[in-house]
Amino acid sequence: MAQVVGTIIFGAVIGVIARLVLPGRQAYGWVVTVLLGILGALIGYWVWGLIGNGNTSGIDVVRWIISIIAAAILSFAYTALTKQKQV
């Protein structure tokens, strides 16, 4: 249960950081930010596990970077897919 809560908190932080690194304004709220961050965090965990370094102790900077990049890509894709056309 602690891992689930930790992943949600980690995902929320990742989502906020991903929004900060993207240029411009994203037209979605904090719920989508957290959800995209959680997805980015899960992708980061998965990729980090594929690399073969999934079981380390302490803060994994590379896992954070992978997660932020994944969340930023998801955020960019979400914005592109939900963007309304200006008339």
N, C-alpha and C. Protein backbone atom coordinates (compact mmCIF):
# COMPACT_ATOMS: atom_id res chain seq x y z
N MET A 1 0.82 -1.19 0.00
CA MET A 1 0.00 0.00 0.00
C MET A 1 0.87 1.26 0.00
N ALA A 2 1.99 1.19 0.70
CA ALA A 2 2.88 2.35 0.76
C ALA A 2 3.47 2.65 -0.61
N GLN A 3 3.71 1.61 -1.42
CA GLN A 3 4.24 1.84 -2.76
C GLN A 3 3.23 2.55 -3.64
N VAL A 4 1.95 2.24 -3.48
CA VAL A 4 0.90 2.90 -4.27
C VAL A 4 0.83 4.37 -3.91
N VAL A 5 0.83 4.68 -2.63
CA VAL A 5 0.80 6.07 -2.19
C VAL A 5 2.06 6.80 -2.64
N GLY A 6 3.20 6.14 -2.52
CA GLY A 6 4.46 6.74 -2.96
C GLY A 6 4.46 7.02 -4.45
N THR A 7 3.90 6.11 -5.24
CA THR A 7 3.84 6.31 -6.69
C THR A 7 2.91 7.47 -7.03
N ILE A 8 1.81 7.61 -6.32
CA ILE A 8 0.89 8.73 -6.56
C ILE A 8 1.57 10.05 -6.24
N ILE A 9 2.25 10.12 -5.11
CA ILE A 9 2.95 11.35 -4.74
C ILE A 9 4.08 11.63 -5.73
N PHE A 10 4.85 10.61 -6.07
CA PHE A 10 5.93 10.74 -7.05
C PHE A 10 5.36 11.21 -8.39
N GLY A 11 4.23 10.64 -8.79
CA GLY A 11 3.58 11.03 -10.05
C GLY A 11 3.10 12.46 -10.04
N ALA A 12 2.56 12.91 -8.91
CA ALA A 12 2.11 14.29 -8.82
C ALA A 12 3.28 15.26 -8.97
N VAL A 13 4.38 14.96 -8.33
CA VAL A 13 5.57 15.81 -8.44
C VAL A 13 6.11 15.79 -9.87
N ILE A 14 6.16 14.61 -10.47
CA ILE A 14 6.63 14.47 -11.85
C ILE A 14 5.72 15.25 -12.79
N GLY A 15 4.41 15.18 -12.60
CA GLY A 15 3.48 15.92 -13.45
C GLY A 15 3.69 17.42 -13.37
N VAL A 16 3.91 17.93 -12.18
CA VAL A 16 4.14 19.37 -12.01
C VAL A 16 5.45 19.78 -12.67
N ILE A 17 6.50 18.99 -12.48
CA ILE A 17 7.80 19.30 -13.10
C ILE A 17 7.69 19.25 -14.62
N ALA A 18 6.96 18.25 -15.14
CA ALA A 18 6.80 18.13 -16.59
C ALA A 18 6.09 19.35 -17.16
N ARG A 19 5.08 19.87 -16.45
CA ARG A 19 4.39 21.08 -16.92
C ARG A 19 5.32 22.28 -16.91
N LEU A 20 6.21 22.33 -15.93
CA LEU A 20 7.13 23.46 -15.84
C LEU A 20 8.16 23.47 -16.96
N VAL A 21 8.58 22.29 -17.43
CA VAL A 21 9.60 22.24 -18.48
C VAL A 21 9.01 22.45 -19.87
N LEU A 22 7.71 22.27 -20.01
CA LEU A 22 7.08 22.49 -21.31
C LEU A 22 6.86 23.98 -21.54
N PRO A 23 7.16 24.45 -22.74
CA PRO A 23 6.93 25.87 -23.03
C PRO A 23 5.44 26.15 -23.22
N GLY A 24 5.05 27.36 -22.94
CA GLY A 24 3.67 27.77 -23.15
C GLY A 24 2.75 27.34 -22.02
N ARG A 25 1.49 27.53 -22.27
CA ARG A 25 0.47 27.24 -21.26
C ARG A 25 -0.28 25.97 -21.64
N GLN A 26 -0.45 25.10 -20.69
CA GLN A 26 -1.22 23.89 -20.90
C GLN A 26 -2.64 24.13 -20.40
N ALA A 27 -3.60 23.77 -21.25
CA ALA A 27 -5.01 24.07 -20.94
C ALA A 27 -5.69 22.88 -20.27
N TYR A 28 -5.15 22.43 -19.15
CA TYR A 28 -5.80 21.39 -18.37
C TYR A 28 -5.49 21.62 -16.90
N GLY A 29 -6.27 20.99 -16.06
CA GLY A 29 -6.19 21.24 -14.63
C GLY A 29 -5.24 20.32 -13.90
N TRP A 30 -5.31 20.41 -12.58
CA TRP A 30 -4.38 19.67 -11.74
C TRP A 30 -4.65 18.18 -11.74
N VAL A 31 -5.91 17.76 -11.96
CA VAL A 31 -6.23 16.33 -11.97
C VAL A 31 -5.52 15.66 -13.15
N VAL A 32 -5.59 16.28 -14.33
CA VAL A 32 -4.91 15.74 -15.50
C VAL A 32 -3.40 15.79 -15.29
N THR A 33 -2.91 16.84 -14.67
CA THR A 33 -1.48 16.95 -14.38
C THR A 33 -1.01 15.76 -13.53
N VAL A 34 -1.76 15.45 -12.49
CA VAL A 34 -1.39 14.34 -11.61
C VAL A 34 -1.50 13.01 -12.35
N LEU A 35 -2.58 12.82 -13.13
CA LEU A 35 -2.74 11.57 -13.87
C LEU A 35 -1.62 11.37 -14.90
N LEU A 36 -1.28 12.43 -15.63
CA LEU A 36 -0.19 12.33 -16.59
C LEU A 36 1.14 12.10 -15.88
N GLY A 37 1.30 12.70 -14.72
CA GLY A 37 2.52 12.48 -13.93
C GLY A 37 2.62 11.05 -13.43
N ILE A 38 1.50 10.48 -13.00
CA ILE A 38 1.50 9.09 -12.54
C ILE A 38 1.84 8.16 -13.71
N LEU A 39 1.23 8.41 -14.87
CA LEU A 39 1.56 7.60 -16.04
C LEU A 39 3.03 7.74 -16.42
N GLY A 40 3.53 8.97 -16.37
CA GLY A 40 4.95 9.20 -16.64
C GLY A 40 5.84 8.49 -15.65
N ALA A 41 5.44 8.50 -14.38
CA ALA A 41 6.22 7.81 -13.35
C ALA A 41 6.22 6.31 -13.58
N LEU A 42 5.07 5.75 -13.94
CA LEU A 42 5.00 4.32 -14.21
C LEU A 42 5.85 3.94 -15.42
N ILE A 43 5.82 4.78 -16.46
CA ILE A 43 6.67 4.54 -17.62
C ILE A 43 8.14 4.63 -17.22
N GLY A 44 8.47 5.62 -16.38
CA GLY A 44 9.84 5.77 -15.89
C GLY A 44 10.31 4.56 -15.11
N TYR A 45 9.44 4.03 -14.23
CA TYR A 45 9.78 2.82 -13.48
C TYR A 45 10.00 1.66 -14.43
N TRP A 46 9.12 1.52 -15.43
CA TRP A 46 9.20 0.42 -16.38
C TRP A 46 10.49 0.49 -17.20
N VAL A 47 10.78 1.66 -17.76
CA VAL A 47 11.99 1.82 -18.57
C VAL A 47 13.23 1.60 -17.70
N TRP A 48 13.22 2.14 -16.50
CA TRP A 48 14.36 1.97 -15.59
C TRP A 48 14.55 0.49 -15.26
N GLY A 49 13.46 -0.26 -15.14
CA GLY A 49 13.55 -1.69 -14.91
C GLY A 49 14.10 -2.43 -16.12
N LEU A 50 13.73 -1.98 -17.33
CA LEU A 50 14.25 -2.60 -18.55
C LEU A 50 15.75 -2.38 -18.70
N ILE A 51 16.21 -1.23 -18.24
CA ILE A 51 17.64 -0.94 -18.31
C ILE A 51 18.41 -1.89 -17.40
N GLY A 52 17.73 -2.38 -16.37
CA GLY A 52 18.38 -3.34 -15.48
C GLY A 52 18.79 -2.77 -14.16
N ASN A 53 18.38 -1.56 -13.87
CA ASN A 53 18.75 -0.91 -12.61
C ASN A 53 17.52 -0.65 -11.75
N GLY A 54 16.53 -1.51 -11.82
CA GLY A 54 15.28 -1.27 -11.12
C GLY A 54 15.33 -1.40 -9.61
N ASN A 55 16.29 -2.12 -9.08
CA ASN A 55 16.34 -2.37 -7.65
C ASN A 55 17.51 -1.64 -7.01
N THR A 56 17.41 -0.34 -6.92
CA THR A 56 18.44 0.44 -6.25
C THR A 56 17.83 1.14 -5.06
N SER A 57 18.66 1.54 -4.13
CA SER A 57 18.16 2.27 -2.97
C SER A 57 18.48 3.76 -3.13
N GLY A 58 17.70 4.58 -2.46
CA GLY A 58 17.93 6.03 -2.54
C GLY A 58 17.23 6.65 -3.73
N ILE A 59 17.63 7.86 -4.05
CA ILE A 59 17.01 8.60 -5.15
C ILE A 59 17.73 8.25 -6.45
N ASP A 60 16.96 7.79 -7.41
CA ASP A 60 17.50 7.46 -8.73
C ASP A 60 17.27 8.64 -9.65
N VAL A 61 18.29 9.41 -9.89
CA VAL A 61 18.17 10.62 -10.71
C VAL A 61 17.78 10.27 -12.14
N VAL A 62 18.34 9.18 -12.66
CA VAL A 62 18.02 8.78 -14.03
C VAL A 62 16.55 8.39 -14.14
N ARG A 63 16.02 7.69 -13.15
CA ARG A 63 14.60 7.33 -13.17
C ARG A 63 13.73 8.57 -13.14
N TRP A 64 14.11 9.57 -12.35
CA TRP A 64 13.36 10.83 -12.31
C TRP A 64 13.38 11.50 -13.68
N ILE A 65 14.54 11.54 -14.31
CA ILE A 65 14.66 12.19 -15.61
C ILE A 65 13.82 11.46 -16.65
N ILE A 66 13.89 10.13 -16.65
CA ILE A 66 13.08 9.34 -17.58
C ILE A 66 11.59 9.60 -17.34
N SER A 67 11.19 9.65 -16.09
CA SER A 67 9.78 9.89 -15.74
C SER A 67 9.33 11.27 -16.17
N ILE A 68 10.16 12.28 -15.97
CA ILE A 68 9.81 13.64 -16.37
C ILE A 68 9.68 13.73 -17.88
N ILE A 69 10.60 13.10 -18.60
CA ILE A 69 10.53 13.11 -20.07
C ILE A 69 9.26 12.41 -20.54
N ALA A 70 8.94 11.27 -19.93
CA ALA A 70 7.73 10.54 -20.31
C ALA A 70 6.48 11.37 -20.02
N ALA A 71 6.42 12.01 -18.86
CA ALA A 71 5.26 12.84 -18.51
C ALA A 71 5.16 14.05 -19.42
N ALA A 72 6.29 14.64 -19.80
CA ALA A 72 6.27 15.78 -20.71
C ALA A 72 5.75 15.36 -22.09
N ILE A 73 6.17 14.19 -22.56
CA ILE A 73 5.68 13.69 -23.85
C ILE A 73 4.18 13.42 -23.76
N LEU A 74 3.74 12.81 -22.67
CA LEU A 74 2.30 12.57 -22.49
C LEU A 74 1.53 13.89 -22.42
N SER A 75 2.09 14.87 -21.74
CA SER A 75 1.45 16.18 -21.62
C SER A 75 1.34 16.85 -22.99
N PHE A 76 2.42 16.78 -23.76
CA PHE A 76 2.42 17.35 -25.11
C PHE A 76 1.38 16.65 -25.97
N ALA A 77 1.31 15.32 -25.90
CA ALA A 77 0.34 14.56 -26.69
C ALA A 77 -1.09 14.87 -26.25
N TYR A 78 -1.31 14.97 -24.95
CA TYR A 78 -2.65 15.29 -24.45
C TYR A 78 -3.09 16.67 -24.94
N THR A 79 -2.18 17.63 -24.86
CA THR A 79 -2.51 18.98 -25.32
C THR A 79 -2.79 19.00 -26.81
N ALA A 80 -1.99 18.27 -27.59
CA ALA A 80 -2.20 18.22 -29.03
C ALA A 80 -3.52 17.54 -29.40
N LEU A 81 -3.90 16.50 -28.67
CA LEU A 81 -5.12 15.77 -28.98
C LEU A 81 -6.38 16.49 -28.52
N THR A 82 -6.29 17.28 -27.48
CA THR A 82 -7.48 17.95 -26.95
C THR A 82 -7.56 19.43 -27.28
N LYS A 83 -6.61 19.91 -28.06
CA LYS A 83 -6.57 21.33 -28.39
C LYS A 83 -7.77 21.69 -29.27
N GLN A 84 -8.44 22.78 -28.91
CA GLN A 84 -9.57 23.25 -29.71
C GLN A 84 -9.06 24.21 -30.76
N LYS A 85 -9.63 24.10 -31.94
CA LYS A 85 -9.24 24.97 -33.04
C LYS A 85 -9.78 26.39 -32.81
N GLN A 86 -8.93 27.37 -33.09
CA GLN A 86 -9.33 28.77 -33.01
C GLN A 86 -9.96 29.16 -34.33
N VAL A 87 -11.11 29.81 -34.30
CA VAL A 87 -11.79 30.22 -35.52
C VAL A 87 -11.61 31.69 -35.74
